[in-house]
C-alpha atoms as a PDB file:
ATOM      1  CA  UNK A   1     -49.561  -6.599  56.432  1.00  0.00           C
ATOM      2  CA  UNK A   2     -53.182  -6.658  55.338  1.00  0.00           C
ATOM      3  CA  UNK A   3     -56.454  -5.601  56.843  1.00  0.00           C
ATOM      4  CA  UNK A   4     -60.048  -6.494  56.148  1.00  0.00           C
ATOM      5  CA  UNK A   5     -62.798  -3.910  56.355  1.00  0.00           C
ATOM      6  CA  UNK A   6     -66.504  -4.532  56.669  1.00  0.00           C
ATOM      7  CA  UNK A   7     -69.736  -2.801  57.649  1.00  0.00           C
ATOM      8  CA  UNK A   8     -71.562  -4.067  60.739  1.00  0.00           C
ATOM      9  CA  UNK A   9     -75.205  -3.273  61.374  1.00  0.00           C
ATOM     10  CA  UNK A  10     -75.713  -1.381  64.666  1.00  0.00           C
ATOM     11  CA  UNK A  11     -79.000  -3.108  65.408  1.00  0.00           C
ATOM     12  CA  UNK A  12     -81.500  -0.412  64.403  1.00  0.00           C
ATOM     13  CA  UNK A  13     -84.425  -1.508  62.278  1.00  0.00           C
ATOM     14  CA  UNK A  14     -83.476   0.423  59.136  1.00  0.00           C
ATOM     15  CA  UNK A  15     -80.986  -0.224  56.402  1.00  0.00           C
ATOM     16  CA  UNK A  16     -79.710   3.349  56.282  1.00  0.00           C
ATOM     17  CA  UNK A  17     -75.964   3.955  55.992  1.00  0.00           C
ATOM     18  CA  UNK A  18     -76.002   5.698  59.393  1.00  0.00           C
ATOM     19  CA  UNK A  19     -77.041   2.363  60.925  1.00  0.00           C
ATOM     20  CA  UNK A  20     -73.813   0.768  59.714  1.00  0.00           C
ATOM     21  CA  UNK A  21     -70.532   0.871  61.597  1.00  0.00           C
ATOM     22  CA  UNK A  22     -67.224   0.398  59.757  1.00  0.00           C
ATOM     23  CA  UNK A  23     -64.979  -2.220  61.312  1.00  0.00           C
ATOM     24  CA  UNK A  24     -61.415  -3.045  60.308  1.00  0.00           C
ATOM     25  CA  UNK A  25     -59.776  -6.313  61.262  1.00  0.00           C
ATOM     26  CA  UNK A  26     -56.015  -5.831  61.394  1.00  0.00           C
ATOM     27  CA  UNK A  27     -53.432  -8.516  60.926  1.00  0.00           C
ATOM     28  CA  UNK A  28     -51.658  -9.599  64.108  1.00  0.00           C
ATOM     29  CA  UNK A  29     -48.367  -8.199  62.778  1.00  0.00           C
ATOM     30  CA  UNK A  30     -49.924  -4.761  62.306  1.00  0.00           C
ATOM     31  CA  UNK A  31     -51.549  -4.911  65.749  1.00  0.00           C
ATOM     32  CA  UNK A  32     -48.190  -5.774  67.324  1.00  0.00           C
ATOM     33  CA  UNK A  33     -46.466  -2.928  65.487  1.00  0.00           C
ATOM     34  CA  UNK A  34     -49.218  -0.495  66.539  1.00  0.00           C
ATOM     35  CA  UNK A  35     -48.880  -1.636  70.167  1.00  0.00           C
ATOM     36  CA  UNK A  36     -45.084  -1.164  70.152  1.00  0.00           C
ATOM     37  CA  UNK A  37     -45.313   2.321  68.627  1.00  0.00           C
ATOM     38  CA  UNK A  38     -48.097   3.328  71.035  1.00  0.00           C
ATOM     39  CA  UNK A  39     -46.125   2.154  74.084  1.00  0.00           C
ATOM     40  CA  UNK A  40     -43.023   4.011  72.906  1.00  0.00           C
ATOM     41  CA  UNK A  41     -45.032   7.184  72.287  1.00  0.00           C
ATOM     42  CA  UNK A  42     -46.563   6.993  75.779  1.00  0.00           C
ATOM     43  CA  UNK A  43     -43.090   6.594  77.298  1.00  0.00           C
ATOM     44  CA  UNK A  44     -41.693   9.524  75.267  1.00  0.00           C
ATOM     45  CA  UNK A  45     -44.622  11.781  76.192  1.00  0.00           C
ATOM     46  CA  UNK A  46     -44.259  10.897  79.871  1.00  0.00           C
ATOM     47  CA  UNK A  47     -40.473  11.413  79.917  1.00  0.00           C
ATOM     48  CA  UNK A  48     -40.674  14.692  77.972  1.00  0.00           C
ATOM     49  CA  UNK A  49     -43.415  15.906  80.331  1.00  0.00           C
ATOM     50  CA  UNK A  50     -45.489  16.990  77.326  1.00  0.00           C
ATOM     51  CA  UNK A  51     -48.858  16.654  79.061  1.00  0.00           C
ATOM     52  CA  UNK A  52     -49.480  18.580  82.232  1.00  0.00           C
ATOM     53  CA  UNK A  53     -50.604  16.559  85.276  1.00  0.00           C
ATOM     54  CA  UNK A  54     -54.114  18.026  85.030  1.00  0.00           C
ATOM     55  CA  UNK A  55     -54.538  16.452  81.577  1.00  0.00           C
ATOM     56  CA  UNK A  56     -56.260  13.364  82.937  1.00  0.00           C
ATOM     57  CA  UNK A  57     -58.946  12.297  80.484  1.00  0.00           C
ATOM     58  CA  UNK A  58     -58.259   9.261  78.349  1.00  0.00           C
ATOM     59  CA  UNK A  59     -54.945   8.482  80.046  1.00  0.00           C
ATOM     60  CA  UNK A  60     -54.314   5.207  81.785  1.00  0.00           C
ATOM     61  CA  UNK A  61     -54.187   5.646  85.536  1.00  0.00           C
ATOM     62  CA  UNK A  62     -55.618   9.175  85.290  1.00  0.00           C
ATOM     63  CA  UNK A  63     -59.087  10.477  85.980  1.00  0.00           C
ATOM     64  CA  UNK A  64     -61.112  13.517  84.986  1.00  0.00           C
ATOM     65  CA  UNK A  65     -62.754  13.648  88.442  1.00  0.00           C
ATOM     66  CA  UNK A  66     -60.165  16.090  89.812  1.00  0.00           C
ATOM     67  CA  UNK A  67     -60.738  18.399  86.819  1.00  0.00           C
ATOM     68  CA  UNK A  68     -64.503  18.314  87.373  1.00  0.00           C
ATOM     69  CA  UNK A  69     -63.953  19.150  91.029  1.00  0.00           C
ATOM     70  CA  UNK A  70     -61.680  22.080  90.101  1.00  0.00           C
ATOM     71  CA  UNK A  71     -64.263  23.410  87.628  1.00  0.00           C
ATOM     72  CA  UNK A  72     -66.984  23.145  90.260  1.00  0.00           C
ATOM     73  CA  UNK A  73     -64.841  25.121  92.712  1.00  0.00           C
ATOM     74  CA  UNK A  74     -63.972  27.805  90.124  1.00  0.00           C
ATOM     75  CA  UNK A  75     -67.638  28.156  89.115  1.00  0.00           C
ATOM     76  CA  UNK A  76     -68.743  28.370  92.733  1.00  0.00           C
ATOM     77  CA  UNK A  77     -66.139  31.050  93.538  1.00  0.00           C
ATOM     78  CA  UNK A  78     -67.014  33.060  90.424  1.00  0.00           C
ATOM     79  CA  UNK A  79     -70.684  32.949  91.361  1.00  0.00           C
ATOM     80  CA  UNK A  80     -69.880  34.013  94.919  1.00  0.00           C
ATOM     81  CA  UNK A  81     -67.767  36.934  93.647  1.00  0.00           C
ATOM     82  CA  UNK A  82     -70.304  37.769  90.909  1.00  0.00           C
ATOM     83  CA  UNK A  83     -67.740  37.212  88.171  1.00  0.00           C
ATOM     84  CA  UNK A  84     -67.868  35.284  84.909  1.00  0.00           C
ATOM     85  CA  UNK A  85     -65.922  32.173  83.999  1.00  0.00           C
ATOM     86  CA  UNK A  86     -65.001  31.446  80.396  1.00  0.00           C
ATOM     87  CA  UNK A  87     -64.115  27.892  79.482  1.00  0.00           C
ATOM     88  CA  UNK A  88     -62.922  26.372  76.217  1.00  0.00           C
ATOM     89  CA  UNK A  89     -62.876  22.625  75.604  1.00  0.00           C
ATOM     90  CA  UNK A  90     -60.923  21.226  72.679  1.00  0.00           C
ATOM     91  CA  UNK A  91     -61.475  17.752  71.288  1.00  0.00           C
ATOM     92  CA  UNK A  92     -57.818  16.795  70.941  1.00  0.00           C
ATOM     93  CA  UNK A  93     -58.620  13.400  69.450  1.00  0.00           C
ATOM     94  CA  UNK A  94     -60.254  15.017  66.422  1.00  0.00           C
ATOM     95  CA  UNK A  95     -57.929  18.027  66.441  1.00  0.00           C
ATOM     96  CA  UNK A  96     -54.936  15.714  66.082  1.00  0.00           C
ATOM     97  CA  UNK A  97     -56.440  14.132  62.959  1.00  0.00           C
ATOM     98  CA  UNK A  98     -56.578  17.568  61.328  1.00  0.00           C
ATOM     99  CA  UNK A  99     -53.168  18.688  62.598  1.00  0.00           C
ATOM    100  CA  UNK A 100     -50.390  19.529  60.163  1.00  0.00           C
ATOM    101  CA  UNK A 101     -47.806  16.738  60.193  1.00  0.00           C
ATOM    102  CA  UNK A 102     -45.110  19.347  59.545  1.00  0.00           C
ATOM    103  CA  UNK A 103     -46.180  21.275  62.663  1.00  0.00           C
ATOM    104  CA  UNK A 104     -46.206  18.056  64.706  1.00  0.00           C
ATOM    105  CA  UNK A 105     -42.632  17.204  63.656  1.00  0.00           C
ATOM    106  CA  UNK A 106     -41.589  20.796  64.430  1.00  0.00           C
ATOM    107  CA  UNK A 107     -42.952  20.532  67.986  1.00  0.00           C
ATOM    108  CA  UNK A 108     -41.327  17.116  68.421  1.00  0.00           C
ATOM    109  CA  UNK A 109     -38.000  18.565  67.284  1.00  0.00           C
ATOM    110  CA  UNK A 110     -38.370  21.478  69.736  1.00  0.00           C
ATOM    111  CA  UNK A 111     -38.871  18.901  72.514  1.00  0.00           C
ATOM    112  CA  UNK A 112     -35.814  16.970  71.260  1.00  0.00           C
ATOM    113  CA  UNK A 113     -37.922  13.936  70.326  1.00  0.00           C
ATOM    114  CA  UNK A 114     -36.510  12.339  67.206  1.00  0.00           C
ATOM    115  CA  UNK A 115     -38.409  10.049  64.853  1.00  0.00           C
ATOM    116  CA  UNK A 116     -35.842   7.368  65.631  1.00  0.00           C
ATOM    117  CA  UNK A 117     -37.308   7.052  69.132  1.00  0.00           C
ATOM    118  CA  UNK A 118     -40.542   5.770  67.619  1.00  0.00           C
END
């Protein structure tokens, strides 16, 4: 399975590297394999109940609107009670890229998710 990579110009008027966007064209076999693995992972995550229902962003059929509404309510109540609210947002997409593969397999084993399921 091969891929082809190229740089596409974003449309700005300069020739700086930051105006280029890397694009990779994947073979249809690789795309099919990626789709199968992704679908299986989504099914495993749903069955294992790994993500809490409030984890809505970036999930098909889910919305972040309810989370925004909850945060608005919490902020309003804290203001009314003259209290502070501390909030931490984590970019899980980029955090996953930096995650230890050994730790990921450990968590999967704790949840009884074997690599064979993939």
